[in-house]
Amino acid sequence: MTGFDPDLYRRLVESSPEGLVLIDAQGKDHPVIYVNPAFESLTGYSAAELMGRNLRLLQADDREQDGRHRLRDALSRGETCRVLLRNYRKDGSVFWNEMTVMPLRHPDGCVTHFVGHHRDAGERLRIDPKGAKDSLSGAHQPTAIAVRDDRLTGLYTLPYLEELLKRDWAIAQREQRNIAVFAIDIDALDLYNTTFGRAAGDSTIRRVAHVVSACLRRSSDVTARIDGGSLIAFAPGLSTEQALRIGQLMAERVRDLRIHHPRSAVLRYISISVGVCATTPVAADSPSDLLQKAQQQLQFAKKSGRNQAA
């Protein structure tokens, strides 16, 4: 049996296809002390730019995410946590960072470091082995069968929506008609969960998801939950003006639920922010471009005061 080879271990870590990060758990503000090349490629930041900094920089100004609360809570308890966060690369482009963060402990039990495994959730298509045996019929038949239903809300999952969007994108491009995307976030959901607990937060997510999806009633309209209180939807054949009206209707219908939220800085009730983008697809564009533009509009809606569509 050969002995431990540090160089082999280093090459193993640096060749990993997943982004790997090592955090100093005892340093001020949990600074980064190592990132591998895959993480540099994922985020667009060099290792030198990340050293000594907290990874919250990847969230930019987009701090109101339920996953942040779960991650912060797990780290404070020294527990492993898996979350999906909306992050931003150095060039400003948005991606969904699926991360698993685990504590590393000294023999005395003290947490000395956290190691994070990161990957772009947009590059992953979850295959349902059971569903793959079934044939699908109708206009919305994806090229690969992703897990279809979100367990919490009954809406579609993001990978399934992305497959349907690819199909409808091609149709809209061929027929030269618009397609609209809606990016929706429940405002201050992390504070709501802190105040009333996870079960109450999940109940609110279900109620909001039902109201939002009810605003898109045509059989061609699709709504999915990404994670926490983040939803995404698309609707073929809508102009920008029509899509904005629907986005405003979503915000109005959620307000009408009058779910009490005493800690919200927006209202005393649960509200949503909606980013809307509609376009007629051309060859130079892609469905991911439209999804990203809707996310950018969502951030604009938040910066403009939330509880609105933009």
C-alpha atoms as a PDB file:
ATOM      1  CA  MET A   1       0.000   0.000   0.000  1.00  0.00           C
ATOM      2  CA  THR A   2       1.419   3.378  -0.987  1.00  0.00           C
ATOM      3  CA  GLY A   3       1.579   6.261   1.483  1.00  0.00           C
ATOM      4  CA  PHE A   4      -0.443   9.476   1.404  1.00  0.00           C
ATOM      5  CA  ASP A   5       0.558  11.698  -1.516  1.00  0.00           C
ATOM      6  CA  PRO A   6      -0.302  15.411  -0.906  1.00  0.00           C
ATOM      7  CA  ASP A   7       0.301  16.248  -4.556  1.00  0.00           C
ATOM      8  CA  LEU A   8      -2.156  13.568  -5.677  1.00  0.00           C
ATOM      9  CA  TYR A   9      -4.752  14.934  -3.242  1.00  0.00           C
ATOM     10  CA  ARG A  10      -4.212  18.477  -4.577  1.00  0.00           C
ATOM     11  CA  ARG A  11      -4.626  17.327  -8.183  1.00  0.00           C
ATOM     12  CA  LEU A  12      -7.772  15.413  -7.230  1.00  0.00           C
ATOM     13  CA  VAL A  13      -9.358  18.531  -5.715  1.00  0.00           C
ATOM     14  CA  GLU A  14      -8.264  20.837  -8.527  1.00  0.00           C
ATOM     15  CA  SER A  15      -9.602  18.499 -11.211  1.00  0.00           C
ATOM     16  CA  SER A  16     -13.047  18.173  -9.583  1.00  0.00           C
ATOM     17  CA  PRO A  17     -15.886  19.233 -11.917  1.00  0.00           C
ATOM     18  CA  GLU A  18     -17.706  20.709  -8.895  1.00  0.00           C
ATOM     19  CA  GLY A  19     -16.736  24.047  -7.431  1.00  0.00           C
ATOM     20  CA  LEU A  20     -15.001  23.482  -4.093  1.00  0.00           C
ATOM     21  CA  VAL A  21     -14.500  26.193  -1.486  1.00  0.00           C
ATOM     22  CA  LEU A  22     -12.829  26.103   1.925  1.00  0.00           C
ATOM     23  CA  ILE A  23     -13.991  28.647   4.512  1.00  0.00           C
ATOM     24  CA  ASP A  24     -12.287  29.585   7.771  1.00  0.00           C
ATOM     25  CA  ALA A  25     -15.045  29.029  10.346  1.00  0.00           C
ATOM     26  CA  GLN A  26     -13.087  30.813  13.074  1.00  0.00           C
ATOM     27  CA  GLY A  27     -11.960  33.806  11.048  1.00  0.00           C
ATOM     28  CA  LYS A  28     -13.772  37.131  11.110  1.00  0.00           C
ATOM     29  CA  ASP A  29     -16.736  37.054   8.712  1.00  0.00           C
ATOM     30  CA  HIS A  30     -15.913  33.487   7.574  1.00  0.00           C
ATOM     31  CA  PRO A  31     -13.343  34.330   4.864  1.00  0.00           C
ATOM     32  CA  VAL A  32     -12.554  32.160   1.842  1.00  0.00           C
ATOM     33  CA  ILE A  33      -9.136  30.488   2.107  1.00  0.00           C
ATOM     34  CA  TYR A  34      -9.275  28.194  -0.953  1.00  0.00           C
ATOM     35  CA  VAL A  35     -11.268  27.776  -4.170  1.00  0.00           C
ATOM     36  CA  ASN A  36     -10.609  25.269  -6.928  1.00  0.00           C
ATOM     37  CA  PRO A  37     -10.532  26.063 -10.669  1.00  0.00           C
ATOM     38  CA  ALA A  38     -14.103  24.789 -11.174  1.00  0.00           C
ATOM     39  CA  PHE A  39     -15.384  27.420  -8.728  1.00  0.00           C
ATOM     40  CA  GLU A  40     -13.430  30.134 -10.541  1.00  0.00           C
ATOM     41  CA  SER A  41     -15.045  28.992 -13.801  1.00  0.00           C
ATOM     42  CA  LEU A  42     -18.511  28.858 -12.213  1.00  0.00           C
ATOM     43  CA  THR A  43     -18.400  32.394 -10.802  1.00  0.00           C
ATOM     44  CA  GLY A  44     -16.025  34.251 -13.110  1.00  0.00           C
ATOM     45  CA  TYR A  45     -13.967  35.376 -10.102  1.00  0.00           C
ATOM     46  CA  SER A  46     -10.303  34.418  -9.773  1.00  0.00           C
ATOM     47  CA  ALA A  47      -9.029  32.802  -6.611  1.00  0.00           C
ATOM     48  CA  ALA A  48      -7.100  35.974  -5.808  1.00  0.00           C
ATOM     49  CA  GLU A  49     -10.309  38.028  -5.970  1.00  0.00           C
ATOM     50  CA  LEU A  50     -12.107  35.665  -3.572  1.00  0.00           C
ATOM     51  CA  MET A  51      -9.381  35.105  -0.976  1.00  0.00           C
ATOM     52  CA  GLY A  52     -10.237  36.622   2.406  1.00  0.00           C
ATOM     53  CA  ARG A  53     -13.796  37.576   1.386  1.00  0.00           C
ATOM     54  CA  ASN A  54     -17.198  36.259   2.418  1.00  0.00           C
ATOM     55  CA  LEU A  55     -19.112  34.461  -0.339  1.00  0.00           C
ATOM     56  CA  ARG A  56     -22.140  36.693   0.207  1.00  0.00           C
ATOM     57  CA  LEU A  57     -20.557  38.815  -2.530  1.00  0.00           C
ATOM     58  CA  LEU A  58     -22.073  36.309  -4.989  1.00  0.00           C
ATOM     59  CA  GLN A  59     -25.542  37.414  -3.869  1.00  0.00           C
ATOM     60  CA  ALA A  60     -24.844  41.061  -4.821  1.00  0.00           C
ATOM     61  CA  ASP A  61     -27.816  43.077  -3.512  1.00  0.00           C
ATOM     62  CA  ASP A  62     -30.147  40.082  -3.812  1.00  0.00           C
ATOM     63  CA  ARG A  63     -30.136  39.196  -0.104  1.00  0.00           C
ATOM     64  CA  GLU A  64     -33.842  38.494   0.392  1.00  0.00           C
ATOM     65  CA  GLN A  65     -33.754  34.755  -0.256  1.00  0.00           C
ATOM     66  CA  ASP A  66     -35.190  32.048   1.946  1.00  0.00           C
ATOM     67  CA  GLY A  67     -32.159  29.836   1.308  1.00  0.00           C
ATOM     68  CA  ARG A  68     -29.892  32.408   2.974  1.00  0.00           C
ATOM     69  CA  HIS A  69     -31.816  32.028   6.225  1.00  0.00           C
ATOM     70  CA  ARG A  70     -31.538  28.235   6.120  1.00  0.00           C
ATOM     71  CA  LEU A  71     -27.830  28.394   5.316  1.00  0.00           C
ATOM     72  CA  ARG A  72     -27.079  30.919   8.042  1.00  0.00           C
ATOM     73  CA  ASP A  73     -29.046  28.892  10.585  1.00  0.00           C
ATOM     74  CA  ALA A  74     -27.238  25.647   9.703  1.00  0.00           C
ATOM     75  CA  LEU A  75     -23.802  27.276   9.863  1.00  0.00           C
ATOM     76  CA  SER A  76     -24.545  28.770  13.272  1.00  0.00           C
ATOM     77  CA  ARG A  77     -25.351  25.247  14.527  1.00  0.00           C
ATOM     78  CA  GLY A  78     -22.364  23.645  12.783  1.00  0.00           C
ATOM     79  CA  GLU A  79     -24.602  21.434  10.622  1.00  0.00           C
ATOM     80  CA  THR A  80     -24.502  20.309   7.005  1.00  0.00           C
ATOM     81  CA  CYS A  81     -26.879  22.240   4.754  1.00  0.00           C
ATOM     82  CA  ARG A  82     -27.971  21.981   1.125  1.00  0.00           C
ATOM     83  CA  VAL A  83     -29.579  25.053  -0.444  1.00  0.00           C
ATOM     84  CA  LEU A  84     -30.279  26.633  -3.816  1.00  0.00           C
ATOM     85  CA  LEU A  85     -29.382  30.327  -4.026  1.00  0.00           C
ATOM     86  CA  ARG A  86     -29.678  32.875  -6.791  1.00  0.00           C
ATOM     87  CA  ASN A  87     -26.086  34.032  -7.327  1.00  0.00           C
ATOM     88  CA  TYR A  88     -24.344  36.470  -9.670  1.00  0.00           C
ATOM     89  CA  ARG A  89     -21.157  35.960 -11.611  1.00  0.00           C
ATOM     90  CA  LYS A  90     -18.502  38.629 -11.912  1.00  0.00           C
ATOM     91  CA  ASP A  91     -20.046  39.767 -15.212  1.00  0.00           C
ATOM     92  CA  GLY A  92     -23.435  40.223 -13.499  1.00  0.00           C
ATOM     93  CA  SER A  93     -25.125  37.189 -15.073  1.00  0.00           C
ATOM     94  CA  VAL A  94     -27.394  35.235 -12.748  1.00  0.00           C
ATOM     95  CA  PHE A  95     -27.194  31.518 -12.020  1.00  0.00           C
ATOM     96  CA  TRP A  96     -28.785  29.123  -9.526  1.00  0.00           C
ATOM     97  CA  ASN A  97     -26.067  27.866  -7.214  1.00  0.00           C
ATOM     98  CA  GLU A  98     -26.865  24.464  -5.733  1.00  0.00           C
ATOM     99  CA  MET A  99     -24.541  24.180  -2.777  1.00  0.00           C
ATOM    100  CA  THR A 100     -23.845  21.695  -0.028  1.00  0.00           C
ATOM    101  CA  VAL A 101     -21.902  23.138   2.916  1.00  0.00           C
ATOM    102  CA  MET A 102     -20.393  20.828   5.532  1.00  0.00           C
ATOM    103  CA  PRO A 103     -18.483  21.555   8.756  1.00  0.00           C
ATOM    104  CA  LEU A 104     -14.972  20.232   9.385  1.00  0.00           C
ATOM    105  CA  ARG A 105     -14.215  19.615  13.061  1.00  0.00           C
ATOM    106  CA  HIS A 106     -11.123  19.479  15.239  1.00  0.00           C
ATOM    107  CA  PRO A 107     -10.805  16.253  17.302  1.00  0.00           C
ATOM    108  CA  ASP A 108     -12.172  18.236  20.259  1.00  0.00           C
ATOM    109  CA  GLY A 109     -15.409  18.785  18.312  1.00  0.00           C
ATOM    110  CA  CYS A 110     -14.866  22.457  17.488  1.00  0.00           C
ATOM    111  CA  VAL A 111     -15.782  23.523  13.934  1.00  0.00           C
ATOM    112  CA  THR A 112     -12.630  24.873  12.290  1.00  0.00           C
ATOM    113  CA  HIS A 113     -13.675  25.124   8.635  1.00  0.00           C
ATOM    114  CA  PHE A 114     -16.608  24.779   6.279  1.00  0.00           C
ATOM    115  CA  VAL A 115     -16.245  23.094   2.914  1.00  0.00           C
ATOM    116  CA  GLY A 116     -18.697  24.017   0.166  1.00  0.00           C
ATOM    117  CA  HIS A 117     -19.581  22.002  -2.930  1.00  0.00           C
ATOM    118  CA  HIS A 118     -21.087  24.241  -5.632  1.00  0.00           C
ATOM    119  CA  ARG A 119     -22.623  23.611  -9.030  1.00  0.00           C
ATOM    120  CA  ASP A 120     -24.826  25.444 -11.506  1.00  0.00           C
ATOM    121  CA  ALA A 121     -28.306  23.936 -11.131  1.00  0.00           C
ATOM    122  CA  GLY A 122     -29.073  25.044 -14.682  1.00  0.00           C
ATOM    123  CA  GLU A 123     -26.595  22.478 -15.974  1.00  0.00           C
ATOM    124  CA  ARG A 124     -28.337  19.638 -14.187  1.00  0.00           C
ATOM    125  CA  LEU A 125     -31.437  17.846 -15.446  1.00  0.00           C
ATOM    126  CA  ARG A 126     -32.931  15.547 -12.856  1.00  0.00           C
ATOM    127  CA  ILE A 127     -34.145  12.393 -14.560  1.00  0.00           C
ATOM    128  CA  ASP A 128     -37.150  10.536 -13.205  1.00  0.00           C
ATOM    129  CA  PRO A 129     -36.426   6.821 -13.828  1.00  0.00           C
ATOM    130  CA  LYS A 130     -40.070   5.913 -13.333  1.00  0.00           C
ATOM    131  CA  GLY A 131     -41.357   8.658 -15.606  1.00  0.00           C
ATOM    132  CA  ALA A 132     -38.784   7.866 -18.258  1.00  0.00           C
ATOM    133  CA  LYS A 133     -40.618   4.604 -18.936  1.00  0.00           C
ATOM    134  CA  ASP A 134     -43.870   6.416 -19.646  1.00  0.00           C
ATOM    135  CA  SER A 135     -44.715   8.032 -22.949  1.00  0.00           C
ATOM    136  CA  LEU A 136     -45.860  11.631 -22.975  1.00  0.00           C
ATOM    137  CA  SER A 137     -48.315  13.023 -25.466  1.00  0.00           C
ATOM    138  CA  GLY A 138     -49.407  16.508 -26.388  1.00  0.00           C
ATOM    139  CA  ALA A 139     -47.616  19.692 -27.388  1.00  0.00           C
ATOM    140  CA  HIS A 140     -45.552  19.823 -24.188  1.00  0.00           C
ATOM    141  CA  GLN A 141     -43.364  16.753 -24.558  1.00  0.00           C
ATOM    142  CA  PRO A 142     -39.837  17.430 -23.259  1.00  0.00           C
ATOM    143  CA  THR A 143     -36.827  15.940 -24.979  1.00  0.00           C
ATOM    144  CA  ALA A 144     -35.789  14.393 -21.628  1.00  0.00           C
ATOM    145  CA  ILE A 145     -38.125  13.649 -18.763  1.00  0.00           C
ATOM    146  CA  ALA A 146     -37.283  15.708 -15.706  1.00  0.00           C
ATOM    147  CA  VAL A 147     -38.877  15.348 -12.303  1.00  0.00           C
ATOM    148  CA  ARG A 148     -42.195  16.952 -13.083  1.00  0.00           C
ATOM    149  CA  ASP A 149     -43.887  18.013  -9.869  1.00  0.00           C
ATOM    150  CA  ASP A 150     -42.663  20.109  -6.979  1.00  0.00           C
ATOM    151  CA  ARG A 151     -43.663  18.258  -3.816  1.00  0.00           C
ATOM    152  CA  LEU A 152     -44.465  21.359  -1.790  1.00  0.00           C
ATOM    153  CA  THR A 153     -46.689  23.246  -4.235  1.00  0.00           C
ATOM    154  CA  GLY A 154     -47.762  20.799  -6.920  1.00  0.00           C
ATOM    155  CA  LEU A 155     -46.304  23.139  -9.551  1.00  0.00           C
ATOM    156  CA  TYR A 156     -43.670  22.008 -12.035  1.00  0.00           C
ATOM    157  CA  THR A 157     -39.984  21.870 -11.115  1.00  0.00           C
ATOM    158  CA  LEU A 158     -37.496  24.247 -12.748  1.00  0.00           C
ATOM    159  CA  PRO A 159     -35.780  21.586 -14.926  1.00  0.00           C
ATOM    160  CA  TYR A 160     -39.167  20.461 -16.247  1.00  0.00           C
ATOM    161  CA  LEU A 161     -40.192  24.052 -17.019  1.00  0.00           C
ATOM    162  CA  GLU A 162     -36.895  24.621 -18.824  1.00  0.00           C
ATOM    163  CA  GLU A 163     -37.552  21.652 -21.083  1.00  0.00           C
ATOM    164  CA  LEU A 164     -41.054  22.905 -21.884  1.00  0.00           C
ATOM    165  CA  LEU A 165     -39.710  26.407 -22.506  1.00  0.00           C
ATOM    166  CA  LYS A 166     -37.185  25.066 -25.042  1.00  0.00           C
ATOM    167  CA  ARG A 167     -40.055  23.458 -26.931  1.00  0.00           C
ATOM    168  CA  ASP A 168     -42.284  26.545 -26.890  1.00  0.00           C
ATOM    169  CA  TRP A 169     -39.326  28.796 -27.682  1.00  0.00           C
ATOM    170  CA  ALA A 170     -38.747  26.918 -30.932  1.00  0.00           C
ATOM    171  CA  ILE A 171     -42.446  27.174 -31.804  1.00  0.00           C
ATOM    172  CA  ALA A 172     -42.544  30.916 -31.024  1.00  0.00           C
ATOM    173  CA  GLN A 173     -39.432  31.476 -33.124  1.00  0.00           C
ATOM    174  CA  ARG A 174     -40.916  29.586 -36.062  1.00  0.00           C
ATOM    175  CA  GLU A 175     -44.275  31.374 -35.828  1.00  0.00           C
ATOM    176  CA  GLN A 176     -42.740  34.768 -34.969  1.00  0.00           C
ATOM    177  CA  ARG A 177     -44.834  35.345 -31.856  1.00  0.00           C
ATOM    178  CA  ASN A 178     -44.005  36.547 -28.399  1.00  0.00           C
ATOM    179  CA  ILE A 179     -43.231  34.534 -25.308  1.00  0.00           C
ATOM    180  CA  ALA A 180     -43.223  36.047 -21.812  1.00  0.00           C
ATOM    181  CA  VAL A 181     -41.401  34.944 -18.659  1.00  0.00           C
ATOM    182  CA  PHE A 182     -42.291  35.903 -15.075  1.00  0.00           C
ATOM    183  CA  ALA A 183     -39.783  35.679 -12.184  1.00  0.00           C
ATOM    184  CA  ILE A 184     -41.561  35.877  -8.817  1.00  0.00           C
ATOM    185  CA  ASP A 185     -40.248  36.155  -5.255  1.00  0.00           C
ATOM    186  CA  ILE A 186     -42.190  36.284  -1.987  1.00  0.00           C
ATOM    187  CA  ASP A 187     -40.991  39.441  -0.236  1.00  0.00           C
ATOM    188  CA  ALA A 188     -39.217  39.005   3.128  1.00  0.00           C
ATOM    189  CA  LEU A 189     -40.018  35.287   3.337  1.00  0.00           C
ATOM    190  CA  ASP A 190     -36.938  34.679   5.489  1.00  0.00           C
ATOM    191  CA  LEU A 191     -38.292  37.071   8.149  1.00  0.00           C
ATOM    192  CA  TYR A 192     -41.699  35.418   7.923  1.00  0.00           C
ATOM    193  CA  ASN A 193     -40.132  32.004   8.566  1.00  0.00           C
ATOM    194  CA  THR A 194     -38.130  33.382  11.474  1.00  0.00           C
ATOM    195  CA  THR A 195     -41.304  34.828  13.003  1.00  0.00           C
ATOM    196  CA  PHE A 196     -43.802  32.022  12.421  1.00  0.00           C
ATOM    197  CA  GLY A 197     -41.706  28.932  11.681  1.00  0.00           C
ATOM    198  CA  ARG A 198     -40.993  26.717   8.691  1.00  0.00           C
ATOM    199  CA  ALA A 199     -44.405  25.040   8.592  1.00  0.00           C
ATOM    200  CA  ALA A 200     -46.173  28.407   8.383  1.00  0.00           C
ATOM    201  CA  GLY A 201     -43.724  29.503   5.687  1.00  0.00           C
ATOM    202  CA  ASP A 202     -44.407  26.377   3.626  1.00  0.00           C
ATOM    203  CA  SER A 203     -48.151  26.961   3.944  1.00  0.00           C
ATOM    204  CA  THR A 204     -47.696  30.525   2.697  1.00  0.00           C
ATOM    205  CA  ILE A 205     -45.594  29.351  -0.247  1.00  0.00           C
ATOM    206  CA  ARG A 206     -48.365  26.928  -1.245  1.00  0.00           C
ATOM    207  CA  ARG A 207     -51.054  29.618  -1.037  1.00  0.00           C
ATOM    208  CA  VAL A 208     -49.015  32.138  -3.021  1.00  0.00           C
ATOM    209  CA  ALA A 209     -48.089  29.520  -5.634  1.00  0.00           C
ATOM    210  CA  HIS A 210     -51.763  28.664  -6.117  1.00  0.00           C
ATOM    211  CA  VAL A 211     -52.719  32.326  -6.583  1.00  0.00           C
ATOM    212  CA  VAL A 212     -49.846  33.049  -8.978  1.00  0.00           C
ATOM    213  CA  SER A 213     -50.511  30.004 -11.157  1.00  0.00           C
ATOM    214  CA  ALA A 214     -54.242  30.856 -11.238  1.00  0.00           C
ATOM    215  CA  CYS A 215     -53.339  34.128 -13.002  1.00  0.00           C
ATOM    216  CA  LEU A 216     -52.017  32.047 -15.921  1.00  0.00           C
ATOM    217  CA  ARG A 217     -54.953  29.874 -16.910  1.00  0.00           C
ATOM    218  CA  ARG A 218     -54.270  28.809 -20.492  1.00  0.00           C
ATOM    219  CA  SER A 219     -53.121  25.262 -21.129  1.00  0.00           C
ATOM    220  CA  SER A 220     -49.929  26.620 -22.729  1.00  0.00           C
ATOM    221  CA  ASP A 221     -48.969  28.609 -19.595  1.00  0.00           C
ATOM    222  CA  VAL A 222     -46.464  26.949 -17.237  1.00  0.00           C
ATOM    223  CA  THR A 223     -45.537  27.772 -13.637  1.00  0.00           C
ATOM    224  CA  ALA A 224     -42.756  26.199 -11.555  1.00  0.00           C
ATOM    225  CA  ARG A 225     -41.169  26.622  -8.157  1.00  0.00           C
ATOM    226  CA  ILE A 226     -37.398  27.055  -8.090  1.00  0.00           C
ATOM    227  CA  ASP A 227     -36.696  26.979  -4.369  1.00  0.00           C
ATOM    228  CA  GLY A 228     -38.142  28.531  -1.224  1.00  0.00           C
ATOM    229  CA  GLY A 229     -40.506  31.318  -2.248  1.00  0.00           C
ATOM    230  CA  SER A 230     -39.048  31.757  -5.750  1.00  0.00           C
ATOM    231  CA  LEU A 231     -41.300  30.912  -8.692  1.00  0.00           C
ATOM    232  CA  ILE A 232     -40.880  31.107 -12.454  1.00  0.00           C
ATOM    233  CA  ALA A 233     -43.532  31.027 -15.183  1.00  0.00           C
ATOM    234  CA  PHE A 234     -43.812  31.490 -18.925  1.00  0.00           C
ATOM    235  CA  ALA A 235     -46.733  32.239 -21.228  1.00  0.00           C
ATOM    236  CA  PRO A 236     -46.612  32.173 -25.051  1.00  0.00           C
ATOM    237  CA  GLY A 237     -48.341  34.851 -27.126  1.00  0.00           C
ATOM    238  CA  LEU A 238     -48.230  37.738 -24.628  1.00  0.00           C
ATOM    239  CA  SER A 239     -46.993  41.227 -25.428  1.00  0.00           C
ATOM    240  CA  THR A 240     -44.896  43.101 -22.870  1.00  0.00           C
ATOM    241  CA  GLU A 241     -47.925  45.196 -21.897  1.00  0.00           C
ATOM    242  CA  GLN A 242     -50.136  42.132 -21.442  1.00  0.00           C
ATOM    243  CA  ALA A 243     -47.458  40.353 -19.419  1.00  0.00           C
ATOM    244  CA  LEU A 244     -46.981  43.397 -17.161  1.00  0.00           C
ATOM    245  CA  ARG A 245     -50.720  43.515 -16.489  1.00  0.00           C
ATOM    246  CA  ILE A 246     -50.662  39.856 -15.491  1.00  0.00           C
ATOM    247  CA  GLY A 247     -47.632  40.458 -13.274  1.00  0.00           C
ATOM    248  CA  GLN A 248     -49.484  43.315 -11.568  1.00  0.00           C
ATOM    249  CA  LEU A 249     -52.511  41.059 -11.177  1.00  0.00           C
ATOM    250  CA  MET A 250     -50.322  38.445  -9.459  1.00  0.00           C
ATOM    251  CA  ALA A 251     -49.101  41.040  -6.956  1.00  0.00           C
ATOM    252  CA  GLU A 252     -52.659  42.252  -6.358  1.00  0.00           C
ATOM    253  CA  ARG A 253     -54.071  38.772  -5.808  1.00  0.00           C
ATOM    254  CA  VAL A 254     -51.304  37.942  -3.301  1.00  0.00           C
ATOM    255  CA  ARG A 255     -52.031  41.148  -1.391  1.00  0.00           C
ATOM    256  CA  ASP A 256     -55.698  40.144  -1.317  1.00  0.00           C
ATOM    257  CA  LEU A 257     -54.752  36.991   0.630  1.00  0.00           C
ATOM    258  CA  ARG A 258     -53.980  39.318   3.572  1.00  0.00           C
ATOM    259  CA  ILE A 259     -51.489  36.915   5.132  1.00  0.00           C
ATOM    260  CA  HIS A 260     -50.250  38.814   8.168  1.00  0.00           C
ATOM    261  CA  HIS A 261     -46.515  39.631   8.085  1.00  0.00           C
ATOM    262  CA  PRO A 262     -45.695  42.073  10.917  1.00  0.00           C
ATOM    263  CA  ARG A 263     -41.956  42.197  10.170  1.00  0.00           C
ATOM    264  CA  SER A 264     -42.205  43.022   6.473  1.00  0.00           C
ATOM    265  CA  ALA A 265     -40.800  46.414   5.522  1.00  0.00           C
ATOM    266  CA  VAL A 266     -43.108  46.446   2.491  1.00  0.00           C
ATOM    267  CA  LEU A 267     -46.587  45.830   3.904  1.00  0.00           C
ATOM    268  CA  ARG A 268     -48.005  44.287   7.028  1.00  0.00           C
ATOM    269  CA  TYR A 269     -49.033  41.408   4.773  1.00  0.00           C
ATOM    270  CA  ILE A 270     -47.260  38.967   2.491  1.00  0.00           C
ATOM    271  CA  SER A 271     -46.442  40.506  -0.891  1.00  0.00           C
ATOM    272  CA  ILE A 272     -44.513  39.498  -4.007  1.00  0.00           C
ATOM    273  CA  SER A 273     -42.153  41.122  -6.473  1.00  0.00           C
ATOM    274  CA  VAL A 274     -42.444  40.137 -10.130  1.00  0.00           C
ATOM    275  CA  GLY A 275     -39.939  40.517 -12.957  1.00  0.00           C
ATOM    276  CA  VAL A 276     -41.447  40.407 -16.447  1.00  0.00           C
ATOM    277  CA  CYS A 277     -39.762  40.014 -19.815  1.00  0.00           C
ATOM    278  CA  ALA A 278     -41.412  39.317 -23.174  1.00  0.00           C
ATOM    279  CA  THR A 279     -39.779  38.918 -26.567  1.00  0.00           C
ATOM    280  CA  THR A 280     -40.154  37.441 -30.028  1.00  0.00           C
ATOM    281  CA  PRO A 281     -37.366  34.844 -30.229  1.00  0.00           C
ATOM    282  CA  VAL A 282     -34.648  35.271 -32.833  1.00  0.00           C
ATOM    283  CA  ALA A 283     -31.809  32.938 -33.736  1.00  0.00           C
ATOM    284  CA  ALA A 284     -29.252  34.882 -31.705  1.00  0.00           C
ATOM    285  CA  ASP A 285     -31.284  34.514 -28.484  1.00  0.00           C
ATOM    286  CA  SER A 286     -31.882  31.516 -26.241  1.00  0.00           C
ATOM    287  CA  PRO A 287     -34.475  30.579 -23.590  1.00  0.00           C
ATOM    288  CA  SER A 288     -31.840  31.064 -20.875  1.00  0.00           C
ATOM    289  CA  ASP A 289     -31.400  34.677 -22.020  1.00  0.00           C
ATOM    290  CA  LEU A 290     -35.091  35.321 -21.442  1.00  0.00           C
ATOM    291  CA  LEU A 291     -35.018  33.664 -18.020  1.00  0.00           C
ATOM    292  CA  GLN A 292     -32.040  35.783 -17.023  1.00  0.00           C
ATOM    293  CA  LYS A 293     -33.660  39.019 -18.232  1.00  0.00           C
ATOM    294  CA  ALA A 294     -36.762  38.214 -16.165  1.00  0.00           C
ATOM    295  CA  GLN A 295     -34.533  37.721 -13.114  1.00  0.00           C
ATOM    296  CA  GLN A 296     -32.912  41.091 -13.804  1.00  0.00           C
ATOM    297  CA  GLN A 297     -36.348  42.695 -13.986  1.00  0.00           C
ATOM    298  CA  LEU A 298     -37.196  41.016 -10.678  1.00  0.00           C
ATOM    299  CA  GLN A 299     -34.215  42.730  -9.047  1.00  0.00           C
ATOM    300  CA  PHE A 300     -35.373  46.033 -10.533  1.00  0.00           C
ATOM    301  CA  ALA A 301     -38.841  45.486  -9.021  1.00  0.00           C
ATOM    302  CA  LYS A 302     -37.244  44.830  -5.631  1.00  0.00           C
ATOM    303  CA  LYS A 303     -35.029  47.890  -5.790  1.00  0.00           C
ATOM    304  CA  SER A 304     -38.065  49.963  -6.769  1.00  0.00           C
ATOM    305  CA  GLY A 305     -39.863  49.084  -3.521  1.00  0.00           C
ATOM    306  CA  ARG A 306     -41.100  45.487  -4.014  1.00  0.00           C
ATOM    307  CA  ASN A 307     -44.810  44.536  -4.021  1.00  0.00           C
ATOM    308  CA  GLN A 308     -44.995  45.219  -7.760  1.00  0.00           C
ATOM    309  CA  ALA A 309     -44.257  43.994 -11.259  1.00  0.00           C
ATOM    310  CA  ALA A 310     -41.537  45.487 -13.421  1.00  0.00           C
END
